[in-house]
PDB file of N, CA and C in Angstrom:
ATOM      1  N   UNK A   1     -16.087 -33.563  81.528  1.00  0.00           N
ATOM      2  CA  UNK A   1     -15.997 -33.533  80.082  1.00  0.00           C
ATOM      3  C   UNK A   1     -14.517 -33.458  79.680  1.00  0.00           C
ATOM      4  N   UNK A   2     -14.125 -34.295  78.748  1.00  0.00           N
ATOM      5  CA  UNK A   2     -12.744 -34.319  78.280  1.00  0.00           C
ATOM      6  C   UNK A   2     -12.466 -33.090  77.412  1.00  0.00           C
ATOM      7  N   UNK A   3     -11.222 -32.656  77.438  1.00  0.00           N
ATOM      8  CA  UNK A   3     -10.809 -31.508  76.631  1.00  0.00           C
ATOM      9  C   UNK A   3      -9.820 -31.969  75.572  1.00  0.00           C
ATOM     10  N   UNK A   4      -9.886 -31.340  74.421  1.00  0.00           N
ATOM     11  CA  UNK A   4      -8.946 -31.630  73.348  1.00  0.00           C
ATOM     12  C   UNK A   4      -7.569 -31.128  73.749  1.00  0.00           C
ATOM     13  N   UNK A   5      -6.550 -31.937  73.444  1.00  0.00           N
ATOM     14  CA  UNK A   5      -5.171 -31.546  73.714  1.00  0.00           C
ATOM     15  C   UNK A   5      -4.331 -31.758  72.468  1.00  0.00           C
ATOM     16  N   UNK A   6      -3.299 -30.942  72.323  1.00  0.00           N
ATOM     17  CA  UNK A   6      -2.359 -31.129  71.222  1.00  0.00           C
ATOM     18  C   UNK A   6      -1.795 -32.538  71.340  1.00  0.00           C
ATOM     19  N   UNK A   7      -1.759 -33.246  70.237  1.00  0.00           N
ATOM     20  CA  UNK A   7      -1.274 -34.625  70.215  1.00  0.00           C
ATOM     21  C   UNK A   7      -2.364 -35.673  70.226  1.00  0.00           C
ATOM     22  N   UNK A   8      -3.602 -35.279  70.556  1.00  0.00           N
ATOM     23  CA  UNK A   8      -4.708 -36.242  70.514  1.00  0.00           C
ATOM     24  C   UNK A   8      -4.832 -36.810  69.105  1.00  0.00           C
ATOM     25  N   UNK A   9      -5.151 -38.083  68.998  1.00  0.00           N
ATOM     26  CA  UNK A   9      -5.348 -38.714  67.693  1.00  0.00           C
ATOM     27  C   UNK A   9      -6.744 -38.385  67.179  1.00  0.00           C
ATOM     28  N   UNK A  10      -6.871 -38.329  65.841  1.00  0.00           N
ATOM     29  CA  UNK A  10      -8.133 -37.936  65.223  1.00  0.00           C
ATOM     30  C   UNK A  10      -8.699 -39.108  64.420  1.00  0.00           C
ATOM     31  N   UNK A  11     -10.014 -39.328  64.562  1.00  0.00           N
ATOM     32  CA  UNK A  11     -10.725 -40.454  63.953  1.00  0.00           C
ATOM     33  C   UNK A  11     -12.012 -39.969  63.298  1.00  0.00           C
ATOM     34  N   UNK A  12     -12.556 -40.789  62.391  1.00  0.00           N
ATOM     35  CA  UNK A  12     -13.885 -40.544  61.848  1.00  0.00           C
ATOM     36  C   UNK A  12     -14.949 -41.369  62.548  1.00  0.00           C
ATOM     37  N   UNK A  13     -14.518 -42.445  63.224  1.00  0.00           N
ATOM     38  CA  UNK A  13     -15.487 -43.282  63.932  1.00  0.00           C
ATOM     39  C   UNK A  13     -14.804 -43.992  65.090  1.00  0.00           C
ATOM     40  N   UNK A  14     -15.592 -44.318  66.092  1.00  0.00           N
ATOM     41  CA  UNK A  14     -15.082 -45.081  67.229  1.00  0.00           C
ATOM     42  C   UNK A  14     -14.586 -46.429  66.726  1.00  0.00           C
ATOM     43  N   UNK A  15     -13.420 -46.829  67.167  1.00  0.00           N
ATOM     44  CA  UNK A  15     -12.879 -48.115  66.767  1.00  0.00           C
ATOM     45  C   UNK A  15     -12.229 -48.106  65.401  1.00  0.00           C
ATOM     46  N   UNK A  16     -12.264 -46.978  64.705  1.00  0.00           N
ATOM     47  CA  UNK A  16     -11.644 -46.872  63.390  1.00  0.00           C
ATOM     48  C   UNK A  16     -10.160 -46.591  63.509  1.00  0.00           C
ATOM     49  N   UNK A  17      -9.519 -46.379  62.384  1.00  0.00           N
ATOM     50  CA  UNK A  17      -8.092 -46.065  62.348  1.00  0.00           C
ATOM     51  C   UNK A  17      -7.892 -44.562  62.470  1.00  0.00           C
ATOM     52  N   UNK A  18      -6.896 -44.186  63.260  1.00  0.00           N
ATOM     53  CA  UNK A  18      -6.542 -42.774  63.361  1.00  0.00           C
ATOM     54  C   UNK A  18      -5.953 -42.336  62.021  1.00  0.00           C
ATOM     55  N   UNK A  19      -6.294 -41.147  61.593  1.00  0.00           N
ATOM     56  CA  UNK A  19      -5.751 -40.633  60.339  1.00  0.00           C
ATOM     57  C   UNK A  19      -4.887 -39.399  60.553  1.00  0.00           C
ATOM     58  N   UNK A  20      -4.805 -38.948  61.777  1.00  0.00           N
ATOM     59  CA  UNK A  20      -4.011 -37.758  62.039  1.00  0.00           C
ATOM     60  C   UNK A  20      -3.979 -37.411  63.509  1.00  0.00           C
ATOM     61  N   UNK A  21      -3.553 -36.171  63.779  1.00  0.00           N
ATOM     62  CA  UNK A  21      -3.419 -35.727  65.164  1.00  0.00           C
ATOM     63  C   UNK A  21      -3.700 -34.231  65.258  1.00  0.00           C
ATOM     64  N   UNK A  22      -4.086 -33.819  66.447  1.00  0.00           N
ATOM     65  CA  UNK A  22      -4.331 -32.406  66.719  1.00  0.00           C
ATOM     66  C   UNK A  22      -2.985 -31.689  66.825  1.00  0.00           C
ATOM     67  N   UNK A  23      -2.818 -30.611  66.062  1.00  0.00           N
ATOM     68  CA  UNK A  23      -1.595 -29.797  66.104  1.00  0.00           C
ATOM     69  C   UNK A  23      -1.800 -28.522  66.891  1.00  0.00           C
ATOM     70  N   UNK A  24      -3.043 -28.063  66.953  1.00  0.00           N
ATOM     71  CA  UNK A  24      -3.306 -26.820  67.664  1.00  0.00           C
ATOM     72  C   UNK A  24      -4.778 -26.659  67.968  1.00  0.00           C
ATOM     73  N   UNK A  25      -5.039 -25.850  68.973  1.00  0.00           N
ATOM     74  CA  UNK A  25      -6.413 -25.565  69.375  1.00  0.00           C
ATOM     75  C   UNK A  25      -6.650 -24.086  69.102  1.00  0.00           C
ATOM     76  N   UNK A  26      -7.671 -23.807  68.325  1.00  0.00           N
ATOM     77  CA  UNK A  26      -7.978 -22.443  67.928  1.00  0.00           C
ATOM     78  C   UNK A  26      -9.266 -21.978  68.584  1.00  0.00           C
ATOM     79  N   UNK A  27      -9.538 -20.734  68.461  1.00  0.00           N
ATOM     80  CA  UNK A  27     -10.729 -20.156  69.106  1.00  0.00           C
ATOM     81  C   UNK A  27     -12.021 -20.855  68.679  1.00  0.00           C
ATOM     82  N   UNK A  28     -12.155 -21.172  67.395  1.00  0.00           N
ATOM     83  CA  UNK A  28     -13.401 -21.764  66.900  1.00  0.00           C
ATOM     84  C   UNK A  28     -13.213 -23.144  66.291  1.00  0.00           C
ATOM     85  N   UNK A  29     -12.143 -23.828  66.644  1.00  0.00           N
ATOM     86  CA  UNK A  29     -11.933 -25.153  66.085  1.00  0.00           C
ATOM     87  C   UNK A  29     -10.559 -25.711  66.376  1.00  0.00           C
ATOM     88  N   UNK A  30     -10.126 -26.601  65.504  1.00  0.00           N
ATOM     89  CA  UNK A  30      -8.855 -27.294  65.695  1.00  0.00           C
ATOM     90  C   UNK A  30      -7.996 -27.194  64.445  1.00  0.00           C
ATOM     91  N   UNK A  31      -6.705 -27.262  64.646  1.00  0.00           N
ATOM     92  CA  UNK A  31      -5.746 -27.367  63.555  1.00  0.00           C
ATOM     93  C   UNK A  31      -5.232 -28.801  63.639  1.00  0.00           C
ATOM     94  N   UNK A  32      -5.467 -29.600  62.590  1.00  0.00           N
ATOM     95  CA  UNK A  32      -5.069 -31.004  62.632  1.00  0.00           C
ATOM     96  C   UNK A  32      -4.104 -31.330  61.493  1.00  0.00           C
ATOM     97  N   UNK A  33      -3.303 -32.335  61.721  1.00  0.00           N
ATOM     98  CA  UNK A  33      -2.422 -32.877  60.691  1.00  0.00           C
ATOM     99  C   UNK A  33      -3.048 -34.180  60.210  1.00  0.00           C
ATOM    100  N   UNK A  34      -3.150 -34.349  58.889  1.00  0.00           N
ATOM    101  CA  UNK A  34      -3.657 -35.576  58.285  1.00  0.00           C
ATOM    102  C   UNK A  34      -2.481 -36.263  57.596  1.00  0.00           C
ATOM    103  N   UNK A  35      -2.259 -37.526  57.927  1.00  0.00           N
ATOM    104  CA  UNK A  35      -1.153 -38.278  57.339  1.00  0.00           C
ATOM    105  C   UNK A  35      -1.195 -38.201  55.814  1.00  0.00           C
ATOM    106  N   UNK A  36      -0.050 -38.010  55.213  1.00  0.00           N
ATOM    107  CA  UNK A  36       0.125 -37.939  53.757  1.00  0.00           C
ATOM    108  C   UNK A  36      -0.568 -36.755  53.100  1.00  0.00           C
ATOM    109  N   UNK A  37      -1.081 -35.800  53.885  1.00  0.00           N
ATOM    110  CA  UNK A  37      -1.797 -34.677  53.276  1.00  0.00           C
ATOM    111  C   UNK A  37      -1.431 -33.317  53.867  1.00  0.00           C
ATOM    112  N   UNK A  38      -1.032 -33.279  55.112  1.00  0.00           N
ATOM    113  CA  UNK A  38      -0.675 -31.997  55.715  1.00  0.00           C
ATOM    114  C   UNK A  38      -1.695 -31.497  56.714  1.00  0.00           C
ATOM    115  N   UNK A  39      -1.678 -30.187  56.889  1.00  0.00           N
ATOM    116  CA  UNK A  39      -2.469 -29.544  57.936  1.00  0.00           C
ATOM    117  C   UNK A  39      -3.801 -29.008  57.414  1.00  0.00           C
ATOM    118  N   UNK A  40      -4.812 -29.074  58.285  1.00  0.00           N
ATOM    119  CA  UNK A  40      -6.146 -28.586  57.977  1.00  0.00           C
ATOM    120  C   UNK A  40      -6.735 -27.927  59.220  1.00  0.00           C
ATOM    121  N   UNK A  41      -7.577 -26.945  59.005  1.00  0.00           N
ATOM    122  CA  UNK A  41      -8.336 -26.335  60.093  1.00  0.00           C
ATOM    123  C   UNK A  41      -9.763 -26.845  60.013  1.00  0.00           C
ATOM    124  N   UNK A  42     -10.318 -27.190  61.163  1.00  0.00           N
ATOM    125  CA  UNK A  42     -11.714 -27.634  61.206  1.00  0.00           C
ATOM    126  C   UNK A  42     -12.461 -26.828  62.257  1.00  0.00           C
ATOM    127  N   UNK A  43     -13.709 -26.620  62.018  1.00  0.00           N
ATOM    128  CA  UNK A  43     -14.551 -25.874  62.967  1.00  0.00           C
ATOM    129  C   UNK A  43     -14.972 -26.793  64.116  1.00  0.00           C
ATOM    130  N   UNK A  44     -15.245 -26.199  65.250  1.00  0.00           N
ATOM    131  CA  UNK A  44     -15.640 -26.953  66.440  1.00  0.00           C
ATOM    132  C   UNK A  44     -16.888 -27.798  66.193  1.00  0.00           C
ATOM    133  N   UNK A  45     -17.765 -27.343  65.308  1.00  0.00           N
ATOM    134  CA  UNK A  45     -19.008 -28.065  65.025  1.00  0.00           C
ATOM    135  C   UNK A  45     -18.761 -29.426  64.379  1.00  0.00           C
ATOM    136  N   UNK A  46     -17.551 -29.648  63.866  1.00  0.00           N
ATOM    137  CA  UNK A  46     -17.221 -30.919  63.225  1.00  0.00           C
ATOM    138  C   UNK A  46     -16.756 -31.973  64.231  1.00  0.00           C
ATOM    139  N   UNK A  47     -16.626 -31.596  65.495  1.00  0.00           N
ATOM    140  CA  UNK A  47     -16.165 -32.534  66.522  1.00  0.00           C
ATOM    141  C   UNK A  47     -17.372 -33.239  67.131  1.00  0.00           C
ATOM    142  N   UNK A  48     -17.369 -34.572  67.017  1.00  0.00           N
ATOM    143  CA  UNK A  48     -18.462 -35.384  67.569  1.00  0.00           C
ATOM    144  C   UNK A  48     -18.219 -35.700  69.037  1.00  0.00           C
ATOM    145  N   UNK A  49     -16.984 -36.132  69.351  1.00  0.00           N
ATOM    146  CA  UNK A  49     -16.674 -36.468  70.736  1.00  0.00           C
ATOM    147  C   UNK A  49     -15.176 -36.361  70.992  1.00  0.00           C
ATOM    148  N   UNK A  50     -14.856 -36.238  72.268  1.00  0.00           N
ATOM    149  CA  UNK A  50     -13.461 -36.163  72.721  1.00  0.00           C
ATOM    150  C   UNK A  50     -13.357 -37.015  73.977  1.00  0.00           C
ATOM    151  N   UNK A  51     -12.432 -37.979  73.962  1.00  0.00           N
ATOM    152  CA  UNK A  51     -12.219 -38.800  75.156  1.00  0.00           C
ATOM    153  C   UNK A  51     -10.948 -39.624  75.003  1.00  0.00           C
ATOM    154  N   UNK A  52     -10.292 -39.893  76.084  1.00  0.00           N
ATOM    155  CA  UNK A  52      -9.148 -40.805  76.133  1.00  0.00           C
ATOM    156  C   UNK A  52      -8.075 -40.494  75.089  1.00  0.00           C
ATOM    157  N   UNK A  53      -7.796 -39.208  74.848  1.00  0.00           N
ATOM    158  CA  UNK A  53      -6.782 -38.839  73.866  1.00  0.00           C
ATOM    159  C   UNK A  53      -7.225 -39.011  72.426  1.00  0.00           C
ATOM    160  N   UNK A  54      -8.541 -39.096  72.227  1.00  0.00           N
ATOM    161  CA  UNK A  54      -9.101 -39.284  70.884  1.00  0.00           C
ATOM    162  C   UNK A  54     -10.095 -38.176  70.577  1.00  0.00           C
ATOM    163  N   UNK A  55     -10.079 -37.736  69.314  1.00  0.00           N
ATOM    164  CA  UNK A  55     -11.062 -36.780  68.818  1.00  0.00           C
ATOM    165  C   UNK A  55     -11.774 -37.466  67.660  1.00  0.00           C
ATOM    166  N   UNK A  56     -13.095 -37.580  67.757  1.00  0.00           N
ATOM    167  CA  UNK A  56     -13.893 -38.206  66.707  1.00  0.00           C
ATOM    168  C   UNK A  56     -14.655 -37.094  65.986  1.00  0.00           C
ATOM    169  N   UNK A  57     -14.520 -37.059  64.661  1.00  0.00           N
ATOM    170  CA  UNK A  57     -15.140 -36.016  63.860  1.00  0.00           C
ATOM    171  C   UNK A  57     -16.423 -36.498  63.185  1.00  0.00           C
ATOM    172  N   UNK A  58     -17.261 -35.540  62.819  1.00  0.00           N
ATOM    173  CA  UNK A  58     -18.469 -35.810  62.043  1.00  0.00           C
ATOM    174  C   UNK A  58     -18.125 -35.608  60.578  1.00  0.00           C
ATOM    175  N   UNK A  59     -18.052 -36.673  59.824  1.00  0.00           N
ATOM    176  CA  UNK A  59     -17.657 -36.586  58.419  1.00  0.00           C
ATOM    177  C   UNK A  59     -18.554 -35.638  57.627  1.00  0.00           C
ATOM    178  N   UNK A  60     -19.827 -35.600  57.944  1.00  0.00           N
ATOM    179  CA  UNK A  60     -20.768 -34.754  57.214  1.00  0.00           C
ATOM    180  C   UNK A  60     -20.468 -33.263  57.375  1.00  0.00           C
ATOM    181  N   UNK A  61     -19.681 -32.907  58.365  1.00  0.00           N
ATOM    182  CA  UNK A  61     -19.350 -31.499  58.605  1.00  0.00           C
ATOM    183  C   UNK A  61     -17.966 -31.120  58.096  1.00  0.00           C
ATOM    184  N   UNK A  62     -17.317 -32.029  57.371  1.00  0.00           N
ATOM    185  CA  UNK A  62     -15.985 -31.769  56.837  1.00  0.00           C
ATOM    186  C   UNK A  62     -16.072 -31.400  55.366  1.00  0.00           C
ATOM    187  N   UNK A  63     -15.179 -30.548  54.928  1.00  0.00           N
ATOM    188  CA  UNK A  63     -15.136 -30.146  53.530  1.00  0.00           C
ATOM    189  C   UNK A  63     -14.625 -31.267  52.644  1.00  0.00           C
ATOM    190  N   UNK A  64     -14.867 -31.155  51.329  1.00  0.00           N
ATOM    191  CA  UNK A  64     -14.461 -32.215  50.402  1.00  0.00           C
ATOM    192  C   UNK A  64     -12.954 -32.449  50.359  1.00  0.00           C
ATOM    193  N   UNK A  65     -12.153 -31.406  50.460  1.00  0.00           N
ATOM    194  CA  UNK A  65     -10.690 -31.584  50.422  1.00  0.00           C
ATOM    195  C   UNK A  65     -10.213 -32.395  51.625  1.00  0.00           C
ATOM    196  N   UNK A  66     -10.780 -32.115  52.790  1.00  0.00           N
ATOM    197  CA  UNK A  66     -10.386 -32.865  53.987  1.00  0.00           C
ATOM    198  C   UNK A  66     -10.877 -34.307  53.909  1.00  0.00           C
ATOM    199  N   UNK A  67     -12.078 -34.533  53.421  1.00  0.00           N
ATOM    200  CA  UNK A  67     -12.586 -35.911  53.286  1.00  0.00           C
ATOM    201  C   UNK A  67     -11.710 -36.718  52.334  1.00  0.00           C
ATOM    202  N   UNK A  68     -11.274 -36.102  51.251  1.00  0.00           N
ATOM    203  CA  UNK A  68     -10.380 -36.787  50.306  1.00  0.00           C
ATOM    204  C   UNK A  68      -9.043 -37.096  50.967  1.00  0.00           C
ATOM    205  N   UNK A  69      -8.505 -36.144  51.708  1.00  0.00           N
ATOM    206  CA  UNK A  69      -7.232 -36.357  52.403  1.00  0.00           C
ATOM    207  C   UNK A  69      -7.342 -37.512  53.390  1.00  0.00           C
ATOM    208  N   UNK A  70      -8.433 -37.571  54.120  1.00  0.00           N
ATOM    209  CA  UNK A  70      -8.634 -38.650  55.091  1.00  0.00           C
ATOM    210  C   UNK A  70      -8.707 -39.999  54.376  1.00  0.00           C
ATOM    211  N   UNK A  71      -9.391 -40.035  53.252  1.00  0.00           N
ATOM    212  CA  UNK A  71      -9.530 -41.286  52.495  1.00  0.00           C
ATOM    213  C   UNK A  71      -8.181 -41.823  52.036  1.00  0.00           C
ATOM    214  N   UNK A  72      -7.208 -40.930  51.858  1.00  0.00           N
ATOM    215  CA  UNK A  72      -5.887 -41.333  51.373  1.00  0.00           C
ATOM    216  C   UNK A  72      -4.811 -41.293  52.458  1.00  0.00           C
ATOM    217  N   UNK A  73      -5.208 -41.127  53.699  1.00  0.00           N
ATOM    218  CA  UNK A  73      -4.240 -40.983  54.789  1.00  0.00           C
ATOM    219  C   UNK A  73      -3.320 -42.183  54.932  1.00  0.00           C
ATOM    220  N   UNK A  74      -3.792 -43.359  54.620  1.00  0.00           N
ATOM    221  CA  UNK A  74      -2.988 -44.570  54.806  1.00  0.00           C
ATOM    222  C   UNK A  74      -2.575 -45.209  53.491  1.00  0.00           C
ATOM    223  N   UNK A  75      -2.676 -44.470  52.401  1.00  0.00           N
ATOM    224  CA  UNK A  75      -2.349 -45.000  51.078  1.00  0.00           C
ATOM    225  C   UNK A  75      -0.932 -45.547  51.009  1.00  0.00           C
ATOM    226  N   UNK A  76       0.032 -44.816  51.522  1.00  0.00           N
ATOM    227  CA  UNK A  76       1.433 -45.248  51.459  1.00  0.00           C
ATOM    228  C   UNK A  76       1.660 -46.556  52.218  1.00  0.00           C
ATOM    229  N   UNK A  77       0.864 -46.795  53.262  1.00  0.00           N
ATOM    230  CA  UNK A  77       1.011 -48.010  54.053  1.00  0.00           C
ATOM    231  C   UNK A  77       0.505 -49.245  53.304  1.00  0.00           C
ATOM    232  N   UNK A  78      -0.399 -49.055  52.344  1.00  0.00           N
ATOM    233  CA  UNK A  78      -1.020 -50.181  51.638  1.00  0.00           C
ATOM    234  C   UNK A  78      -0.182 -50.685  50.473  1.00  0.00           C
ATOM    235  N   UNK A  79       0.855 -49.964  50.111  1.00  0.00           N
ATOM    236  CA  UNK A  79       1.658 -50.357  48.946  1.00  0.00           C
ATOM    237  C   UNK A  79       2.646 -51.427  49.276  1.00  0.00           C
TER     238      UNK A  79
END
């Protein structure tokens, strides 16, 4: 089983675009950085899978502020 490591990229779906990276591993979850939004803490239950330097999250288990941040993670790139 793969383990989460600091620096792993974070995704909402396999094959999707990374929106951030793992900054820290906490007792009950992860501390992640979301592009254009900053740092967020997520509970372990929000992690769907971990493999090959990737962490895939379950969107349904994320709070509204984090979902909004993810939706705007690449906004600056689209301008």
